[in-house]
Amino acid sequence: MRRLLLLLAAVLALGGCGGGSDSSAKTTSRAPADAPLRIGTKNFPEQFLLGELYKQALEAKGVPVELKANIGSTEIIHQALTDGALDMYPEYIGVLLSEVANVRARPKSTRAAYDEAEAFERGRGFTLLGMTPFSDANALAVKPAFARRHHVRTILDLAKVPGGVRIGAPPEFETRFEGLVGLGQRYAVHDARFQPLAIGRQYAALDSGRVDVAAVFTTDGQLADGRYVILDDPRGVFGTQHVAQIISRAALRTHGPRVTAILDAVSRRLSAAAMQRMNAAVQLQGRSSVDVADQFLRRAGLK
């Protein structure tokens, strides 16, 4: 908790924001019309890509933007938004519900999840824009040899592995429902040995045998060639993860309806295949998020 608070304080200092965390007070003040729209991103490559995609599309239409990348996990970036350090950021709907709104029951459909998330944010002075076609769900992956040796096909099978399993994941996985909490409650995976890993290092840990199971994102470029097995999640620990922009209503009033039109036009083009290709270009080919986003937007006629 102390680390989270220190990181949040740094974010707020960067944004030049002071005072308390009353979201209604933060979101009712209106910035000058020429003030940049402050976009934040979380702390992993796909978010860096999303930030660049939305930033470059807005700037191409004359909207000034300030991009604040690599802010932190959902818990940190959502608090930064609430406290007024940001105007908007791209969020995964399932994580928003489970880790911010504290909703454990899974909605019956993608639309129901979106509506529930939108209602939650509306009550806090924000709104959700249109969601993407792609869903980058959290998932658990193993090496094919491990799956064959222990007859592991679903998360249910992990509880039967002799001696328990070693799970590598970001630090927040340890305390999240979409993490060890949910695995214990819904799958009786109680004896897992947790190894915190920075996002992006889980595949090397799997390859080297340091962990048996890794938390991954389903649009990771590393999953494109079949080198890893994604475990089925029949009891729904991991929710649907379509992306939607959370944006303050004050920012929408300042910048007008064209911002919504620009952002939604980008979101509509983000299919699962498109995101996996872009993620692979960054994560496996070493290209910059700036260049990959620029190429995508030009080919899509959005820049």
C-alpha atoms as a PDB file:
ATOM      1  CA  MET A   1       0.000   0.000   0.000  1.00  0.00           C
ATOM      2  CA  ARG A   2       2.807   2.423   0.856  1.00  0.00           C
ATOM      3  CA  ARG A   3       4.374   1.799  -2.554  1.00  0.00           C
ATOM      4  CA  LEU A   4       1.042   2.443  -4.297  1.00  0.00           C
ATOM      5  CA  LEU A   5       0.584   5.724  -2.442  1.00  0.00           C
ATOM      6  CA  LEU A   6       4.104   6.864  -3.281  1.00  0.00           C
ATOM      7  CA  LEU A   7       3.579   6.082  -6.968  1.00  0.00           C
ATOM      8  CA  LEU A   8       0.274   7.900  -6.978  1.00  0.00           C
ATOM      9  CA  ALA A   9       1.853  10.929  -5.338  1.00  0.00           C
ATOM     10  CA  ALA A  10       4.434  11.002  -8.118  1.00  0.00           C
ATOM     11  CA  VAL A  11       1.698  10.870 -10.750  1.00  0.00           C
ATOM     12  CA  LEU A  12      -0.186  13.725  -9.127  1.00  0.00           C
ATOM     13  CA  ALA A  13       2.970  15.795  -8.885  1.00  0.00           C
ATOM     14  CA  LEU A  14       3.657  15.195 -12.563  1.00  0.00           C
ATOM     15  CA  GLY A  15       0.159  16.368 -13.418  1.00  0.00           C
ATOM     16  CA  GLY A  16       0.482  19.506 -11.301  1.00  0.00           C
ATOM     17  CA  CYS A  17      -2.643  18.583  -9.342  1.00  0.00           C
ATOM     18  CA  GLY A  18      -3.160  19.208  -5.639  1.00  0.00           C
ATOM     19  CA  GLY A  19      -5.857  18.827  -3.050  1.00  0.00           C
ATOM     20  CA  GLY A  20      -8.085  15.909  -2.162  1.00  0.00           C
ATOM     21  CA  SER A  21      -9.673  13.124  -4.150  1.00  0.00           C
ATOM     22  CA  ASP A  22     -13.286  14.286  -4.505  1.00  0.00           C
ATOM     23  CA  SER A  23     -14.006  13.208  -8.077  1.00  0.00           C
ATOM     24  CA  SER A  24     -17.046  15.472  -8.427  1.00  0.00           C
ATOM     25  CA  ALA A  25     -14.926  18.510  -7.591  1.00  0.00           C
ATOM     26  CA  LYS A  26     -12.187  17.437  -9.989  1.00  0.00           C
ATOM     27  CA  THR A  27     -14.429  16.730 -12.956  1.00  0.00           C
ATOM     28  CA  THR A  28     -16.713  19.754 -12.851  1.00  0.00           C
ATOM     29  CA  SER A  29     -14.042  22.407 -13.454  1.00  0.00           C
ATOM     30  CA  ARG A  30     -13.551  23.142 -17.121  1.00  0.00           C
ATOM     31  CA  ALA A  31     -10.099  23.570 -18.639  1.00  0.00           C
ATOM     32  CA  PRO A  32      -9.351  26.180 -21.322  1.00  0.00           C
ATOM     33  CA  ALA A  33     -10.344  25.083 -24.819  1.00  0.00           C
ATOM     34  CA  ASP A  34      -6.681  24.953 -25.933  1.00  0.00           C
ATOM     35  CA  ALA A  35      -5.565  22.883 -22.929  1.00  0.00           C
ATOM     36  CA  PRO A  36      -4.148  19.485 -23.923  1.00  0.00           C
ATOM     37  CA  LEU A  37      -6.196  16.379 -23.335  1.00  0.00           C
ATOM     38  CA  ARG A  38      -4.219  14.389 -20.761  1.00  0.00           C
ATOM     39  CA  ILE A  39      -4.143  10.684 -21.658  1.00  0.00           C
ATOM     40  CA  GLY A  40      -2.622   8.112 -19.323  1.00  0.00           C
ATOM     41  CA  THR A  41      -1.565   4.524 -19.922  1.00  0.00           C
ATOM     42  CA  LYS A  42      -0.774   1.597 -17.698  1.00  0.00           C
ATOM     43  CA  ASN A  43       2.601  -0.061 -17.393  1.00  0.00           C
ATOM     44  CA  PHE A  44       2.865  -2.592 -20.231  1.00  0.00           C
ATOM     45  CA  PRO A  45       3.463  -2.595 -24.014  1.00  0.00           C
ATOM     46  CA  GLU A  46      -0.126  -2.933 -25.263  1.00  0.00           C
ATOM     47  CA  GLN A  47      -1.109   0.109 -23.222  1.00  0.00           C
ATOM     48  CA  PHE A  48       1.795   2.076 -24.674  1.00  0.00           C
ATOM     49  CA  LEU A  49       0.463   1.187 -28.128  1.00  0.00           C
ATOM     50  CA  LEU A  50      -3.075   2.209 -27.240  1.00  0.00           C
ATOM     51  CA  GLY A  51      -1.839   5.504 -25.853  1.00  0.00           C
ATOM     52  CA  GLU A  52       0.042   6.258 -29.069  1.00  0.00           C
ATOM     53  CA  LEU A  53      -2.873   5.229 -31.271  1.00  0.00           C
ATOM     54  CA  TYR A  54      -5.317   7.570 -29.549  1.00  0.00           C
ATOM     55  CA  LYS A  55      -2.775  10.379 -29.133  1.00  0.00           C
ATOM     56  CA  GLN A  56      -1.685  10.407 -32.774  1.00  0.00           C
ATOM     57  CA  ALA A  57      -5.256  10.153 -34.094  1.00  0.00           C
ATOM     58  CA  LEU A  58      -6.317  13.133 -31.971  1.00  0.00           C
ATOM     59  CA  GLU A  59      -3.297  15.221 -32.911  1.00  0.00           C
ATOM     60  CA  ALA A  60      -3.884  14.485 -36.589  1.00  0.00           C
ATOM     61  CA  LYS A  61      -7.257  16.219 -36.202  1.00  0.00           C
ATOM     62  CA  GLY A  62      -5.828  19.184 -34.332  1.00  0.00           C
ATOM     63  CA  VAL A  63      -6.599  18.146 -30.747  1.00  0.00           C
ATOM     64  CA  PRO A  64      -3.696  18.942 -28.385  1.00  0.00           C
ATOM     65  CA  VAL A  65      -2.661  15.937 -26.322  1.00  0.00           C
ATOM     66  CA  GLU A  66      -0.350  15.270 -23.388  1.00  0.00           C
ATOM     67  CA  LEU A  67       0.462  11.566 -23.104  1.00  0.00           C
ATOM     68  CA  LYS A  68       1.507  10.260 -19.675  1.00  0.00           C
ATOM     69  CA  ALA A  69       2.709   6.719 -20.273  1.00  0.00           C
ATOM     70  CA  ASN A  70       3.647   3.966 -17.847  1.00  0.00           C
ATOM     71  CA  ILE A  71       1.703   5.279 -14.851  1.00  0.00           C
ATOM     72  CA  GLY A  72       1.066   1.904 -13.219  1.00  0.00           C
ATOM     73  CA  SER A  73      -1.526  -0.778 -12.599  1.00  0.00           C
ATOM     74  CA  THR A  74      -5.299  -0.313 -12.772  1.00  0.00           C
ATOM     75  CA  GLU A  75      -5.472   0.565  -9.099  1.00  0.00           C
ATOM     76  CA  ILE A  76      -2.935   3.381  -9.522  1.00  0.00           C
ATOM     77  CA  ILE A  77      -4.065   4.837 -12.836  1.00  0.00           C
ATOM     78  CA  HIS A  78      -7.747   4.838 -11.945  1.00  0.00           C
ATOM     79  CA  GLN A  79      -6.973   6.728  -8.754  1.00  0.00           C
ATOM     80  CA  ALA A  80      -4.920   9.213 -10.765  1.00  0.00           C
ATOM     81  CA  LEU A  81      -7.940   9.746 -13.021  1.00  0.00           C
ATOM     82  CA  THR A  82     -10.236  10.161 -10.019  1.00  0.00           C
ATOM     83  CA  ASP A  83      -7.877  12.665  -8.414  1.00  0.00           C
ATOM     84  CA  GLY A  84      -7.679  14.800 -11.559  1.00  0.00           C
ATOM     85  CA  ALA A  85      -4.147  14.024 -12.769  1.00  0.00           C
ATOM     86  CA  LEU A  86      -5.596  12.627 -16.028  1.00  0.00           C
ATOM     87  CA  ASP A  87      -8.540  13.311 -18.304  1.00  0.00           C
ATOM     88  CA  MET A  88      -8.797   9.808 -19.722  1.00  0.00           C
ATOM     89  CA  TYR A  89      -7.150   6.425 -20.156  1.00  0.00           C
ATOM     90  CA  PRO A  90      -7.926   3.128 -21.942  1.00  0.00           C
ATOM     91  CA  GLU A  91      -9.273   0.487 -19.552  1.00  0.00           C
ATOM     92  CA  TYR A  92     -10.205  -3.182 -19.775  1.00  0.00           C
ATOM     93  CA  ILE A  93     -13.844  -3.551 -18.798  1.00  0.00           C
ATOM     94  CA  GLY A  94     -13.518  -6.780 -16.830  1.00  0.00           C
ATOM     95  CA  VAL A  95     -10.634  -5.485 -14.728  1.00  0.00           C
ATOM     96  CA  LEU A  96     -12.499  -2.235 -14.098  1.00  0.00           C
ATOM     97  CA  LEU A  97     -15.459  -4.192 -12.732  1.00  0.00           C
ATOM     98  CA  SER A  98     -13.539  -6.702 -10.635  1.00  0.00           C
ATOM     99  CA  GLU A  99     -10.693  -4.576  -9.296  1.00  0.00           C
ATOM    100  CA  VAL A 100     -12.187  -1.057  -9.074  1.00  0.00           C
ATOM    101  CA  ALA A 101     -15.966  -1.531  -8.846  1.00  0.00           C
ATOM    102  CA  ASN A 102     -15.436  -4.706  -6.758  1.00  0.00           C
ATOM    103  CA  VAL A 103     -17.938  -6.714  -8.815  1.00  0.00           C
ATOM    104  CA  ARG A 104     -17.314 -10.456  -8.470  1.00  0.00           C
ATOM    105  CA  ALA A 105     -20.334 -11.874 -10.323  1.00  0.00           C
ATOM    106  CA  ARG A 106     -19.626 -11.983 -14.049  1.00  0.00           C
ATOM    107  CA  PRO A 107     -22.167 -10.151 -16.232  1.00  0.00           C
ATOM    108  CA  LYS A 108     -24.082 -12.373 -18.633  1.00  0.00           C
ATOM    109  CA  SER A 109     -22.759 -10.729 -21.784  1.00  0.00           C
ATOM    110  CA  THR A 110     -20.148  -8.322 -23.078  1.00  0.00           C
ATOM    111  CA  ARG A 111     -22.843  -5.662 -23.445  1.00  0.00           C
ATOM    112  CA  ALA A 112     -24.015  -6.204 -19.880  1.00  0.00           C
ATOM    113  CA  ALA A 113     -20.435  -5.832 -18.638  1.00  0.00           C
ATOM    114  CA  TYR A 114     -20.043  -2.585 -20.565  1.00  0.00           C
ATOM    115  CA  ASP A 115     -23.336  -1.191 -19.263  1.00  0.00           C
ATOM    116  CA  GLU A 116     -22.424  -2.040 -15.667  1.00  0.00           C
ATOM    117  CA  ALA A 117     -18.988  -0.437 -16.018  1.00  0.00           C
ATOM    118  CA  GLU A 118     -20.466   2.659 -17.680  1.00  0.00           C
ATOM    119  CA  ALA A 119     -23.014   3.077 -14.889  1.00  0.00           C
ATOM    120  CA  PHE A 120     -20.247   2.792 -12.289  1.00  0.00           C
ATOM    121  CA  GLU A 121     -18.155   5.513 -13.946  1.00  0.00           C
ATOM    122  CA  ARG A 122     -21.138   7.757 -14.659  1.00  0.00           C
ATOM    123  CA  GLY A 123     -21.740   8.001 -10.934  1.00  0.00           C
ATOM    124  CA  ARG A 124     -18.180   9.244 -10.476  1.00  0.00           C
ATOM    125  CA  GLY A 125     -18.217  12.032 -13.072  1.00  0.00           C
ATOM    126  CA  PHE A 126     -16.812  10.024 -15.979  1.00  0.00           C
ATOM    127  CA  THR A 127     -18.139   8.203 -18.995  1.00  0.00           C
ATOM    128  CA  LEU A 128     -17.074   5.230 -21.130  1.00  0.00           C
ATOM    129  CA  LEU A 129     -16.656   5.675 -24.867  1.00  0.00           C
ATOM    130  CA  GLY A 130     -17.200   2.884 -27.387  1.00  0.00           C
ATOM    131  CA  MET A 131     -15.479  -0.428 -26.722  1.00  0.00           C
ATOM    132  CA  THR A 132     -13.055  -2.185 -29.030  1.00  0.00           C
ATOM    133  CA  PRO A 133     -13.855  -5.345 -31.006  1.00  0.00           C
ATOM    134  CA  PHE A 134     -10.837  -7.037 -29.436  1.00  0.00           C
ATOM    135  CA  SER A 135     -10.829  -8.418 -25.910  1.00  0.00           C
ATOM    136  CA  ASP A 136      -7.412  -8.759 -24.310  1.00  0.00           C
ATOM    137  CA  ALA A 137      -8.330 -11.071 -21.482  1.00  0.00           C
ATOM    138  CA  ASN A 138      -6.086 -12.135 -18.663  1.00  0.00           C
ATOM    139  CA  ALA A 139      -5.270 -15.824 -18.928  1.00  0.00           C
ATOM    140  CA  LEU A 140      -2.917 -18.504 -17.655  1.00  0.00           C
ATOM    141  CA  ALA A 141      -0.411 -20.154 -19.980  1.00  0.00           C
ATOM    142  CA  VAL A 142       1.843 -23.189 -19.674  1.00  0.00           C
ATOM    143  CA  LYS A 143       4.388 -24.872 -21.907  1.00  0.00           C
ATOM    144  CA  PRO A 144       2.981 -27.746 -24.021  1.00  0.00           C
ATOM    145  CA  ALA A 145       5.335 -30.233 -22.351  1.00  0.00           C
ATOM    146  CA  PHE A 146       4.033 -29.283 -18.900  1.00  0.00           C
ATOM    147  CA  ALA A 147       0.434 -29.603 -20.120  1.00  0.00           C
ATOM    148  CA  ARG A 148       1.105 -33.100 -21.479  1.00  0.00           C
ATOM    149  CA  ARG A 149       3.067 -34.290 -18.454  1.00  0.00           C
ATOM    150  CA  HIS A 150       0.444 -33.234 -15.918  1.00  0.00           C
ATOM    151  CA  HIS A 151      -2.679 -33.578 -18.121  1.00  0.00           C
ATOM    152  CA  VAL A 152      -3.434 -29.885 -17.713  1.00  0.00           C
ATOM    153  CA  ARG A 153      -6.055 -28.409 -20.038  1.00  0.00           C
ATOM    154  CA  THR A 154      -8.048 -26.065 -17.794  1.00  0.00           C
ATOM    155  CA  ILE A 155      -7.373 -24.065 -14.648  1.00  0.00           C
ATOM    156  CA  LEU A 156      -9.295 -26.778 -12.767  1.00  0.00           C
ATOM    157  CA  ASP A 157      -6.428 -29.175 -13.477  1.00  0.00           C
ATOM    158  CA  LEU A 158      -3.848 -27.006 -11.689  1.00  0.00           C
ATOM    159  CA  ALA A 159      -5.151 -28.039  -8.271  1.00  0.00           C
ATOM    160  CA  LYS A 160      -4.315 -31.666  -9.126  1.00  0.00           C
ATOM    161  CA  VAL A 161      -0.629 -31.094  -9.976  1.00  0.00           C
ATOM    162  CA  PRO A 162       1.494 -32.917  -7.354  1.00  0.00           C
ATOM    163  CA  GLY A 163       3.321 -30.473  -5.094  1.00  0.00           C
ATOM    164  CA  GLY A 164       1.432 -27.469  -6.434  1.00  0.00           C
ATOM    165  CA  VAL A 165       2.453 -25.097  -9.205  1.00  0.00           C
ATOM    166  CA  ARG A 166       4.716 -22.077  -9.484  1.00  0.00           C
ATOM    167  CA  ILE A 167       2.841 -19.103 -10.937  1.00  0.00           C
ATOM    168  CA  GLY A 168       4.635 -16.077 -12.374  1.00  0.00           C
ATOM    169  CA  ALA A 169       2.647 -12.851 -12.689  1.00  0.00           C
ATOM    170  CA  PRO A 170       2.770  -9.109 -11.965  1.00  0.00           C
ATOM    171  CA  PRO A 171       2.839  -8.226  -8.240  1.00  0.00           C
ATOM    172  CA  GLU A 172      -0.828  -7.134  -8.169  1.00  0.00           C
ATOM    173  CA  PHE A 173      -1.883 -10.651  -9.251  1.00  0.00           C
ATOM    174  CA  GLU A 174      -1.295 -11.829  -5.681  1.00  0.00           C
ATOM    175  CA  THR A 175      -4.139  -9.743  -4.230  1.00  0.00           C
ATOM    176  CA  ARG A 176      -6.579  -9.538  -7.154  1.00  0.00           C
ATOM    177  CA  PHE A 177      -9.728 -11.534  -7.750  1.00  0.00           C
ATOM    178  CA  GLU A 178      -8.447 -11.894 -11.327  1.00  0.00           C
ATOM    179  CA  GLY A 179      -5.441 -13.533  -9.713  1.00  0.00           C
ATOM    180  CA  LEU A 180      -4.657 -15.740  -6.729  1.00  0.00           C
ATOM    181  CA  VAL A 181      -7.805 -14.679  -4.859  1.00  0.00           C
ATOM    182  CA  GLY A 182     -10.115 -15.901  -7.633  1.00  0.00           C
ATOM    183  CA  LEU A 183      -8.005 -19.003  -8.296  1.00  0.00           C
ATOM    184  CA  GLY A 184      -8.412 -19.980  -4.661  1.00  0.00           C
ATOM    185  CA  GLN A 185     -12.124 -19.197  -4.449  1.00  0.00           C
ATOM    186  CA  ARG A 186     -13.239 -20.772  -7.719  1.00  0.00           C
ATOM    187  CA  TYR A 187     -10.614 -23.431  -8.439  1.00  0.00           C
ATOM    188  CA  ALA A 188      -9.252 -24.400  -4.998  1.00  0.00           C
ATOM    189  CA  VAL A 189      -5.723 -23.507  -6.128  1.00  0.00           C
ATOM    190  CA  HIS A 190      -4.469 -22.800  -2.615  1.00  0.00           C
ATOM    191  CA  ASP A 191      -0.907 -24.103  -2.607  1.00  0.00           C
ATOM    192  CA  ALA A 192       0.484 -22.189  -5.575  1.00  0.00           C
ATOM    193  CA  ARG A 193       3.904 -20.622  -5.089  1.00  0.00           C
ATOM    194  CA  PHE A 194       3.731 -17.086  -6.389  1.00  0.00           C
ATOM    195  CA  GLN A 195       6.641 -15.405  -8.136  1.00  0.00           C
ATOM    196  CA  PRO A 196       6.178 -11.686  -8.895  1.00  0.00           C
ATOM    197  CA  LEU A 197       7.438 -10.791 -12.368  1.00  0.00           C
ATOM    198  CA  ALA A 198       7.528  -7.574 -14.334  1.00  0.00           C
ATOM    199  CA  ILE A 199       5.081  -7.620 -17.242  1.00  0.00           C
ATOM    200  CA  GLY A 200       6.869  -9.020 -20.282  1.00  0.00           C
ATOM    201  CA  ARG A 201       9.221 -11.307 -18.368  1.00  0.00           C
ATOM    202  CA  GLN A 202       6.763 -14.139 -17.841  1.00  0.00           C
ATOM    203  CA  TYR A 203       7.576 -15.880 -21.124  1.00  0.00           C
ATOM    204  CA  ALA A 204      11.291 -16.079 -20.370  1.00  0.00           C
ATOM    205  CA  ALA A 205      10.398 -17.477 -16.941  1.00  0.00           C
ATOM    206  CA  LEU A 206       8.236 -20.163 -18.569  1.00  0.00           C
ATOM    207  CA  ASP A 207      10.898 -20.999 -21.151  1.00  0.00           C
ATOM    208  CA  SER A 208      13.612 -21.360 -18.514  1.00  0.00           C
ATOM    209  CA  GLY A 209      11.444 -23.447 -16.195  1.00  0.00           C
ATOM    210  CA  ARG A 210      11.508 -20.931 -13.335  1.00  0.00           C
ATOM    211  CA  VAL A 211       7.702 -21.015 -13.277  1.00  0.00           C
ATOM    212  CA  ASP A 212       5.163 -23.604 -14.389  1.00  0.00           C
ATOM    213  CA  VAL A 213       2.315 -21.218 -15.128  1.00  0.00           C
ATOM    214  CA  ALA A 214       2.360 -17.588 -16.241  1.00  0.00           C
ATOM    215  CA  ALA A 215      -0.258 -14.861 -16.300  1.00  0.00           C
ATOM    216  CA  VAL A 216      -0.525 -13.547 -19.865  1.00  0.00           C
ATOM    217  CA  PHE A 217      -2.673 -11.306 -22.025  1.00  0.00           C
ATOM    218  CA  THR A 218      -4.490 -13.047 -24.869  1.00  0.00           C
ATOM    219  CA  THR A 219      -3.342 -10.506 -27.470  1.00  0.00           C
ATOM    220  CA  ASP A 220       0.359 -10.945 -26.599  1.00  0.00           C
ATOM    221  CA  GLY A 221       2.456 -11.329 -29.707  1.00  0.00           C
ATOM    222  CA  GLN A 222       4.248 -14.297 -28.128  1.00  0.00           C
ATOM    223  CA  LEU A 223       1.051 -16.364 -28.319  1.00  0.00           C
ATOM    224  CA  ALA A 224       0.777 -16.175 -32.101  1.00  0.00           C
ATOM    225  CA  ASP A 225       3.012 -19.174 -32.915  1.00  0.00           C
ATOM    226  CA  GLY A 226       1.547 -21.850 -30.646  1.00  0.00           C
ATOM    227  CA  ARG A 227       4.539 -22.161 -28.316  1.00  0.00           C
ATOM    228  CA  TYR A 228       2.300 -21.898 -25.243  1.00  0.00           C
ATOM    229  CA  VAL A 229      -0.984 -23.457 -24.131  1.00  0.00           C
ATOM    230  CA  ILE A 230      -3.738 -21.176 -22.823  1.00  0.00           C
ATOM    231  CA  LEU A 231      -5.718 -22.874 -20.060  1.00  0.00           C
ATOM    232  CA  ASP A 232      -9.501 -22.803 -20.288  1.00  0.00           C
ATOM    233  CA  ASP A 233     -11.302 -20.835 -17.558  1.00  0.00           C
ATOM    234  CA  PRO A 234     -14.664 -22.640 -17.150  1.00  0.00           C
ATOM    235  CA  ARG A 235     -15.556 -20.893 -13.872  1.00  0.00           C
ATOM    236  CA  GLY A 236     -14.908 -17.396 -15.137  1.00  0.00           C
ATOM    237  CA  VAL A 237     -12.173 -15.922 -12.953  1.00  0.00           C
ATOM    238  CA  PHE A 238     -11.005 -13.849 -15.908  1.00  0.00           C
ATOM    239  CA  GLY A 239     -13.658 -11.541 -17.317  1.00  0.00           C
ATOM    240  CA  THR A 240     -14.213 -10.095 -20.768  1.00  0.00           C
ATOM    241  CA  GLN A 241     -11.595  -7.459 -21.467  1.00  0.00           C
ATOM    242  CA  HIS A 242     -12.748  -5.244 -24.297  1.00  0.00           C
ATOM    243  CA  VAL A 243     -11.148  -1.811 -24.025  1.00  0.00           C
ATOM    244  CA  ALA A 244     -13.057   1.420 -23.535  1.00  0.00           C
ATOM    245  CA  GLN A 245     -11.802   4.901 -22.859  1.00  0.00           C
ATOM    246  CA  ILE A 246     -12.756   6.277 -19.450  1.00  0.00           C
ATOM    247  CA  ILE A 247     -12.962  10.041 -19.897  1.00  0.00           C
ATOM    248  CA  SER A 248     -14.098  12.857 -17.659  1.00  0.00           C
ATOM    249  CA  ARG A 249     -17.277  14.642 -18.655  1.00  0.00           C
ATOM    250  CA  ALA A 250     -15.476  17.945 -18.054  1.00  0.00           C
ATOM    251  CA  ALA A 251     -12.913  17.027 -20.739  1.00  0.00           C
ATOM    252  CA  LEU A 252     -15.710  16.160 -23.157  1.00  0.00           C
ATOM    253  CA  ARG A 253     -17.344  19.524 -22.530  1.00  0.00           C
ATOM    254  CA  THR A 254     -14.026  21.287 -23.105  1.00  0.00           C
ATOM    255  CA  HIS A 255     -13.008  19.545 -26.306  1.00  0.00           C
ATOM    256  CA  GLY A 256     -16.406  18.885 -27.845  1.00  0.00           C
ATOM    257  CA  PRO A 257     -18.018  15.882 -29.558  1.00  0.00           C
ATOM    258  CA  ARG A 258     -15.227  15.598 -32.135  1.00  0.00           C
ATOM    259  CA  VAL A 259     -13.033  13.953 -29.476  1.00  0.00           C
ATOM    260  CA  THR A 260     -15.573  11.166 -29.028  1.00  0.00           C
ATOM    261  CA  ALA A 261     -15.823  10.704 -32.801  1.00  0.00           C
ATOM    262  CA  ILE A 262     -12.032  10.490 -33.229  1.00  0.00           C
ATOM    263  CA  LEU A 263     -11.486   8.077 -30.345  1.00  0.00           C
ATOM    264  CA  ASP A 264     -14.375   5.828 -31.320  1.00  0.00           C
ATOM    265  CA  ALA A 265     -13.144   5.690 -34.918  1.00  0.00           C
ATOM    266  CA  VAL A 266      -9.826   4.298 -33.687  1.00  0.00           C
ATOM    267  CA  SER A 267     -11.454   1.845 -31.287  1.00  0.00           C
ATOM    268  CA  ARG A 268     -13.698   0.391 -34.004  1.00  0.00           C
ATOM    269  CA  ARG A 269     -10.610  -0.627 -36.018  1.00  0.00           C
ATOM    270  CA  LEU A 270      -8.870  -2.492 -33.180  1.00  0.00           C
ATOM    271  CA  SER A 271      -9.622  -6.125 -33.931  1.00  0.00           C
ATOM    272  CA  ALA A 272      -7.926  -8.987 -32.098  1.00  0.00           C
ATOM    273  CA  ALA A 273      -5.796  -9.765 -35.157  1.00  0.00           C
ATOM    274  CA  ALA A 274      -4.728  -6.138 -35.528  1.00  0.00           C
ATOM    275  CA  MET A 275      -3.702  -5.869 -31.871  1.00  0.00           C
ATOM    276  CA  GLN A 276      -1.793  -9.131 -31.913  1.00  0.00           C
ATOM    277  CA  ARG A 277       0.123  -8.022 -35.023  1.00  0.00           C
ATOM    278  CA  MET A 278       0.968  -4.662 -33.478  1.00  0.00           C
ATOM    279  CA  ASN A 279       1.939  -6.240 -30.169  1.00  0.00           C
ATOM    280  CA  ALA A 280       4.209  -8.689 -31.987  1.00  0.00           C
ATOM    281  CA  ALA A 281       5.856  -5.840 -33.899  1.00  0.00           C
ATOM    282  CA  VAL A 282       6.728  -4.126 -30.627  1.00  0.00           C
ATOM    283  CA  GLN A 283       7.396  -7.083 -28.335  1.00  0.00           C
ATOM    284  CA  LEU A 284       9.128  -9.451 -30.763  1.00  0.00           C
ATOM    285  CA  GLN A 285      10.487  -7.269 -33.559  1.00  0.00           C
ATOM    286  CA  GLY A 286      11.637  -4.391 -31.379  1.00  0.00           C
ATOM    287  CA  ARG A 287       9.783  -1.655 -33.245  1.00  0.00           C
ATOM    288  CA  SER A 288       8.686   1.445 -31.359  1.00  0.00           C
ATOM    289  CA  SER A 289       5.075   1.982 -30.314  1.00  0.00           C
ATOM    290  CA  VAL A 290       5.208   5.376 -32.007  1.00  0.00           C
ATOM    291  CA  ASP A 291       6.087   3.906 -35.410  1.00  0.00           C
ATOM    292  CA  VAL A 292       3.704   0.932 -35.175  1.00  0.00           C
ATOM    293  CA  ALA A 293       0.796   3.182 -34.216  1.00  0.00           C
ATOM    294  CA  ASP A 294       1.633   5.640 -36.997  1.00  0.00           C
ATOM    295  CA  GLN A 295       1.672   2.876 -39.623  1.00  0.00           C
ATOM    296  CA  PHE A 296      -1.630   1.426 -38.441  1.00  0.00           C
ATOM    297  CA  LEU A 297      -3.422   4.777 -38.413  1.00  0.00           C
ATOM    298  CA  ARG A 298      -2.173   5.698 -41.887  1.00  0.00           C
ATOM    299  CA  ARG A 299      -3.257   2.385 -43.361  1.00  0.00           C
ATOM    300  CA  ALA A 300      -6.648   2.771 -41.671  1.00  0.00           C
ATOM    301  CA  GLY A 301      -7.101   6.282 -43.085  1.00  0.00           C
ATOM    302  CA  LEU A 302      -7.197   7.800 -39.620  1.00  0.00           C
ATOM    303  CA  LYS A 303      -4.159  10.016 -40.013  1.00  0.00           C
END
